Amino acid sequence: MKNNKVNRKEIDTNSFVAILKKYKKKVSKTEESSKIFLTKVGIIDKSGNLDENYKNLCIPQEQE
């Protein structure tokens, strides 16, 4: 017998992930839109420097 129950949590998670992917595309289209987003959420300041709260995180950054 098949289990036809709908996992509401999984549906909600999948919907949320789809929304985030769409938003990511919008925000990361250009360098300017990325900087605007990062400034609005408080990760960087207007001059492009990391906020004090993020300066000492141990996250590997891409080398250019």
PDB file of N, CA and C in Angstrom:
ATOM      1  N   MET A   1       0.829  -1.182   0.000  1.00  0.00           N
ATOM      2  CA  MET A   1       0.000   0.000   0.000  1.00  0.00           C
ATOM      3  C   MET A   1       0.876   1.250   0.000  1.00  0.00           C
ATOM      4  N   LYS A   2       0.604   2.184  -0.886  1.00  0.00           N
ATOM      5  CA  LYS A   2       1.396   3.402  -0.986  1.00  0.00           C
ATOM      6  C   LYS A   2       1.025   4.385   0.111  1.00  0.00           C
ATOM      7  N   ASN A   3       2.043   5.111   0.552  1.00  0.00           N
ATOM      8  CA  ASN A   3       1.814   6.161   1.535  1.00  0.00           C
ATOM      9  C   ASN A   3       1.607   7.463   0.769  1.00  0.00           C
ATOM     10  N   ASN A   4       0.377   7.938   0.701  1.00  0.00           N
ATOM     11  CA  ASN A   4       0.052   9.138  -0.065  1.00  0.00           C
ATOM     12  C   ASN A   4       0.055  10.409   0.776  1.00  0.00           C
ATOM     13  N   LYS A   5       0.610  10.341   1.983  1.00  0.00           N
ATOM     14  CA  LYS A   5       0.658  11.526   2.833  1.00  0.00           C
ATOM     15  C   LYS A   5       1.598  12.556   2.217  1.00  0.00           C
ATOM     16  N   VAL A   6       1.216  13.802   2.342  1.00  0.00           N
ATOM     17  CA  VAL A   6       2.043  14.895   1.849  1.00  0.00           C
ATOM     18  C   VAL A   6       2.867  15.411   3.017  1.00  0.00           C
ATOM     19  N   ASN A   7       4.166  15.479   2.813  1.00  0.00           N
ATOM     20  CA  ASN A   7       5.050  16.009   3.843  1.00  0.00           C
ATOM     21  C   ASN A   7       5.074  17.528   3.708  1.00  0.00           C
ATOM     22  N   ARG A   8       4.264  18.191   4.529  1.00  0.00           N
ATOM     23  CA  ARG A   8       4.112  19.651   4.449  1.00  0.00           C
ATOM     24  C   ARG A   8       5.436  20.375   4.679  1.00  0.00           C
ATOM     25  N   LYS A   9       6.237  19.872   5.601  1.00  0.00           N
ATOM     26  CA  LYS A   9       7.518  20.505   5.893  1.00  0.00           C
ATOM     27  C   LYS A   9       8.426  20.480   4.664  1.00  0.00           C
ATOM     28  N   GLU A  10       8.438  19.358   3.959  1.00  0.00           N
ATOM     29  CA  GLU A  10       9.268  19.232   2.762  1.00  0.00           C
ATOM     30  C   GLU A  10       8.793  20.184   1.668  1.00  0.00           C
ATOM     31  N   ILE A  11       7.486  20.313   1.507  1.00  0.00           N
ATOM     32  CA  ILE A  11       6.933  21.231   0.504  1.00  0.00           C
ATOM     33  C   ILE A  11       7.306  22.663   0.847  1.00  0.00           C
ATOM     34  N   ASP A  12       7.152  23.040   2.125  1.00  0.00           N
ATOM     35  CA  ASP A  12       7.507  24.387   2.552  1.00  0.00           C
ATOM     36  C   ASP A  12       8.989  24.662   2.330  1.00  0.00           C
ATOM     37  N   THR A  13       9.831  23.687   2.649  1.00  0.00           N
ATOM     38  CA  THR A  13      11.270  23.846   2.462  1.00  0.00           C
ATOM     39  C   THR A  13      11.603  23.994   0.986  1.00  0.00           C
ATOM     40  N   ASN A  14      11.018  23.168   0.146  1.00  0.00           N
ATOM     41  CA  ASN A  14      11.277  23.246  -1.294  1.00  0.00           C
ATOM     42  C   ASN A  14      10.815  24.581  -1.864  1.00  0.00           C
ATOM     43  N   SER A  15       9.677  25.080  -1.410  1.00  0.00           N
ATOM     44  CA  SER A  15       9.180  26.380  -1.863  1.00  0.00           C
ATOM     45  C   SER A  15      10.130  27.489  -1.446  1.00  0.00           C
ATOM     46  N   PHE A  16      10.598  27.418  -0.199  1.00  0.00           N
ATOM     47  CA  PHE A  16      11.511  28.433   0.316  1.00  0.00           C
ATOM     48  C   PHE A  16      12.824  28.427  -0.458  1.00  0.00           C
ATOM     49  N   VAL A  17      13.347  27.251  -0.740  1.00  0.00           N
ATOM     50  CA  VAL A  17      14.591  27.134  -1.502  1.00  0.00           C
ATOM     51  C   VAL A  17      14.406  27.709  -2.906  1.00  0.00           C
ATOM     52  N   ALA A  18      13.271  27.458  -3.527  1.00  0.00           N
ATOM     53  CA  ALA A  18      12.997  27.994  -4.867  1.00  0.00           C
ATOM     54  C   ALA A  18      12.961  29.518  -4.836  1.00  0.00           C
ATOM     55  N   ILE A  19      12.345  30.078  -3.806  1.00  0.00           N
ATOM     56  CA  ILE A  19      12.288  31.538  -3.662  1.00  0.00           C
ATOM     57  C   ILE A  19      13.691  32.098  -3.472  1.00  0.00           C
ATOM     58  N   LEU A  20      14.496  31.450  -2.638  1.00  0.00           N
ATOM     59  CA  LEU A  20      15.868  31.909  -2.410  1.00  0.00           C
ATOM     60  C   LEU A  20      16.701  31.857  -3.689  1.00  0.00           C
ATOM     61  N   LYS A  21      16.523  30.818  -4.484  1.00  0.00           N
ATOM     62  CA  LYS A  21      17.276  30.708  -5.741  1.00  0.00           C
ATOM     63  C   LYS A  21      16.915  31.840  -6.699  1.00  0.00           C
ATOM     64  N   LYS A  22      15.619  32.180  -6.771  1.00  0.00           N
ATOM     65  CA  LYS A  22      15.192  33.289  -7.629  1.00  0.00           C
ATOM     66  C   LYS A  22      15.794  34.600  -7.137  1.00  0.00           C
ATOM     67  N   TYR A  23      15.773  34.794  -5.822  1.00  0.00           N
ATOM     68  CA  TYR A  23      16.304  36.025  -5.241  1.00  0.00           C
ATOM     69  C   TYR A  23      17.816  36.105  -5.459  1.00  0.00           C
ATOM     70  N   LYS A  24      18.501  34.975  -5.344  1.00  0.00           N
ATOM     71  CA  LYS A  24      19.948  34.939  -5.565  1.00  0.00           C
ATOM     72  C   LYS A  24      20.280  35.382  -6.984  1.00  0.00           C
ATOM     73  N   LYS A  25      19.507  34.898  -7.959  1.00  0.00           N
ATOM     74  CA  LYS A  25      19.733  35.299  -9.350  1.00  0.00           C
ATOM     75  C   LYS A  25      19.580  36.804  -9.510  1.00  0.00           C
ATOM     76  N   LYS A  26      18.550  37.350  -8.876  1.00  0.00           N
ATOM     77  CA  LYS A  26      18.280  38.784  -8.969  1.00  0.00           C
ATOM     78  C   LYS A  26      19.411  39.591  -8.331  1.00  0.00           C
ATOM     79  N   VAL A  27      19.833  39.181  -7.149  1.00  0.00           N
ATOM     80  CA  VAL A  27      20.831  39.931  -6.389  1.00  0.00           C
ATOM     81  C   VAL A  27      22.221  39.807  -7.004  1.00  0.00           C
ATOM     82  N   SER A  28      22.537  38.673  -7.583  1.00  0.00           N
ATOM     83  CA  SER A  28      23.898  38.452  -8.065  1.00  0.00           C
ATOM     84  C   SER A  28      24.077  38.705  -9.563  1.00  0.00           C
ATOM     85  N   LYS A  29      23.117  39.383 -10.183  1.00  0.00           N
ATOM     86  CA  LYS A  29      23.241  39.669 -11.622  1.00  0.00           C
ATOM     87  C   LYS A  29      24.441  40.556 -11.920  1.00  0.00           C
ATOM     88  N   THR A  30      24.630  41.586 -11.112  1.00  0.00           N
ATOM     89  CA  THR A  30      25.746  42.500 -11.318  1.00  0.00           C
ATOM     90  C   THR A  30      26.494  42.698 -10.008  1.00  0.00           C
ATOM     91  N   GLU A  31      27.713  43.178 -10.118  1.00  0.00           N
ATOM     92  CA  GLU A  31      28.500  43.465  -8.920  1.00  0.00           C
ATOM     93  C   GLU A  31      27.830  44.564  -8.093  1.00  0.00           C
ATOM     94  N   GLU A  32      27.242  45.536  -8.774  1.00  0.00           N
ATOM     95  CA  GLU A  32      26.575  46.638  -8.077  1.00  0.00           C
ATOM     96  C   GLU A  32      25.375  46.140  -7.261  1.00  0.00           C
ATOM     97  N   SER A  33      24.553  45.271  -7.851  1.00  0.00           N
ATOM     98  CA  SER A  33      23.390  44.761  -7.116  1.00  0.00           C
ATOM     99  C   SER A  33      23.830  43.900  -5.931  1.00  0.00           C
ATOM    100  N   SER A  34      24.934  43.184  -6.081  1.00  0.00           N
ATOM    101  CA  SER A  34      25.462  42.388  -4.968  1.00  0.00           C
ATOM    102  C   SER A  34      25.913  43.289  -3.828  1.00  0.00           C
ATOM    103  N   LYS A  35      26.618  44.360  -4.171  1.00  0.00           N
ATOM    104  CA  LYS A  35      27.094  45.292  -3.141  1.00  0.00           C
ATOM    105  C   LYS A  35      25.935  45.989  -2.440  1.00  0.00           C
ATOM    106  N   ILE A  36      24.906  46.348  -3.190  1.00  0.00           N
ATOM    107  CA  ILE A  36      23.728  46.977  -2.586  1.00  0.00           C
ATOM    108  C   ILE A  36      23.093  46.020  -1.586  1.00  0.00           C
ATOM    109  N   PHE A  37      22.938  44.765  -1.972  1.00  0.00           N
ATOM    110  CA  PHE A  37      22.355  43.767  -1.078  1.00  0.00           C
ATOM    111  C   PHE A  37      23.200  43.598   0.181  1.00  0.00           C
ATOM    112  N   LEU A  38      24.511  43.422   0.016  1.00  0.00           N
ATOM    113  CA  LEU A  38      25.389  43.211   1.166  1.00  0.00           C
ATOM    114  C   LEU A  38      25.416  44.423   2.095  1.00  0.00           C
ATOM    115  N   THR A  39      25.264  45.617   1.532  1.00  0.00           N
ATOM    116  CA  THR A  39      25.193  46.830   2.346  1.00  0.00           C
ATOM    117  C   THR A  39      23.880  46.880   3.115  1.00  0.00           C
ATOM    118  N   LYS A  40      22.780  46.557   2.447  1.00  0.00           N
ATOM    119  CA  LYS A  40      21.465  46.586   3.105  1.00  0.00           C
ATOM    120  C   LYS A  40      21.380  45.619   4.274  1.00  0.00           C
ATOM    121  N   VAL A  41      21.993  44.448   4.145  1.00  0.00           N
ATOM    122  CA  VAL A  41      21.924  43.469   5.230  1.00  0.00           C
ATOM    123  C   VAL A  41      23.030  43.666   6.265  1.00  0.00           C
ATOM    124  N   GLY A  42      23.916  44.646   6.033  1.00  0.00           N
ATOM    125  CA  GLY A  42      24.905  45.018   7.038  1.00  0.00           C
ATOM    126  C   GLY A  42      26.192  44.222   7.028  1.00  0.00           C
ATOM    127  N   ILE A  43      26.502  43.564   5.936  1.00  0.00           N
ATOM    128  CA  ILE A  43      27.736  42.780   5.870  1.00  0.00           C
ATOM    129  C   ILE A  43      28.913  43.657   5.455  1.00  0.00           C
ATOM    130  N   ILE A  44      28.665  44.594   4.544  1.00  0.00           N
ATOM    131  CA  ILE A  44      29.708  45.550   4.165  1.00  0.00           C
ATOM    132  C   ILE A  44      29.188  46.967   4.382  1.00  0.00           C
ATOM    133  N   ASP A  45      30.140  47.921   4.485  1.00  0.00           N
ATOM    134  CA  ASP A  45      29.731  49.318   4.607  1.00  0.00           C
ATOM    135  C   ASP A  45      29.652  49.947   3.217  1.00  0.00           C
ATOM    136  N   LYS A  46      29.297  51.222   3.169  1.00  0.00           N
ATOM    137  CA  LYS A  46      29.091  51.883   1.869  1.00  0.00           C
ATOM    138  C   LYS A  46      30.355  51.932   1.018  1.00  0.00           C
ATOM    139  N   SER A  47      31.524  51.890   1.663  1.00  0.00           N
ATOM    140  CA  SER A  47      32.763  51.922   0.888  1.00  0.00           C
ATOM    141  C   SER A  47      33.238  50.522   0.485  1.00  0.00           C
ATOM    142  N   GLY A  48      32.476  49.480   0.856  1.00  0.00           N
ATOM    143  CA  GLY A  48      32.790  48.123   0.426  1.00  0.00           C
ATOM    144  C   GLY A  48      33.622  47.317   1.402  1.00  0.00           C
ATOM    145  N   ASN A  49      33.910  47.877   2.575  1.00  0.00           N
ATOM    146  CA  ASN A  49      34.683  47.158   3.586  1.00  0.00           C
ATOM    147  C   ASN A  49      33.764  46.287   4.436  1.00  0.00           C
ATOM    148  N   LEU A  50      34.290  45.145   4.881  1.00  0.00           N
ATOM    149  CA  LEU A  50      33.506  44.278   5.751  1.00  0.00           C
ATOM    150  C   LEU A  50      33.152  45.002   7.040  1.00  0.00           C
ATOM    151  N   ASP A  51      31.943  44.765   7.525  1.00  0.00           N
ATOM    152  CA  ASP A  51      31.515  45.306   8.803  1.00  0.00           C
ATOM    153  C   ASP A  51      32.374  44.687   9.902  1.00  0.00           C
ATOM    154  N   GLU A  52      32.517  45.410  10.993  1.00  0.00           N
ATOM    155  CA  GLU A  52      33.343  44.953  12.111  1.00  0.00           C
ATOM    156  C   GLU A  52      32.969  43.538  12.570  1.00  0.00           C
ATOM    157  N   ASN A  53      31.686  43.216  12.567  1.00  0.00           N
ATOM    158  CA  ASN A  53      31.230  41.894  13.021  1.00  0.00           C
ATOM    159  C   ASN A  53      31.678  40.760  12.104  1.00  0.00           C
ATOM    160  N   TYR A  54      32.069  41.065  10.888  1.00  0.00           N
ATOM    161  CA  TYR A  54      32.425  40.031   9.914  1.00  0.00           C
ATOM    162  C   TYR A  54      33.915  39.985   9.598  1.00  0.00           C
ATOM    163  N   LYS A  55      34.698  40.923  10.110  1.00  0.00           N
ATOM    164  CA  LYS A  55      36.111  41.011   9.747  1.00  0.00           C
ATOM    165  C   LYS A  55      36.946  39.823  10.197  1.00  0.00           C
ATOM    166  N   ASN A  56      36.631  39.230  11.329  1.00  0.00           N
ATOM    167  CA  ASN A  56      37.487  38.179  11.882  1.00  0.00           C
ATOM    168  C   ASN A  56      36.914  36.777  11.730  1.00  0.00           C
ATOM    169  N   LEU A  57      35.964  36.598  10.839  1.00  0.00           N
ATOM    170  CA  LEU A  57      35.419  35.264  10.600  1.00  0.00           C
ATOM    171  C   LEU A  57      36.446  34.403   9.876  1.00  0.00           C
ATOM    172  N   CYS A  58      36.453  33.133  10.178  1.00  0.00           N
ATOM    173  CA  CYS A  58      37.386  32.204   9.538  1.00  0.00           C
ATOM    174  C   CYS A  58      36.709  31.522   8.357  1.00  0.00           C
ATOM    175  N   ILE A  59      36.409  32.295   7.345  1.00  0.00           N
ATOM    176  CA  ILE A  59      35.808  31.769   6.128  1.00  0.00           C
ATOM    177  C   ILE A  59      36.814  31.998   5.007  1.00  0.00           C
ATOM    178  N   PRO A  60      37.264  30.938   4.351  1.00  0.00           N
ATOM    179  CA  PRO A  60      38.231  31.118   3.266  1.00  0.00           C
ATOM    180  C   PRO A  60      37.659  32.010   2.168  1.00  0.00           C
ATOM    181  N   GLN A  61      38.445  32.987   1.755  1.00  0.00           N
ATOM    182  CA  GLN A  61      38.021  33.866   0.675  1.00  0.00           C
ATOM    183  C   GLN A  61      38.774  33.492  -0.587  1.00  0.00           C
ATOM    184  N   GLU A  62      38.121  33.672  -1.708  1.00  0.00           N
ATOM    185  CA  GLU A  62      38.696  33.339  -2.999  1.00  0.00           C
ATOM    186  C   GLU A  62      39.882  34.254  -3.290  1.00  0.00           C
ATOM    187  N   GLN A  63      40.973  33.672  -3.725  1.00  0.00           N
ATOM    188  CA  GLN A  63      42.157  34.447  -4.077  1.00  0.00           C
ATOM    189  C   GLN A  63      42.075  34.874  -5.533  1.00  0.00           C
ATOM    190  N   GLU A  64      42.430  36.110  -5.789  1.00  0.00           N
ATOM    191  CA  GLU A  64      42.392  36.609  -7.179  1.00  0.00           C
ATOM    192  C   GLU A  64      43.752  36.599  -7.797  1.00  0.00           C
TER     193      GLU A  64
END
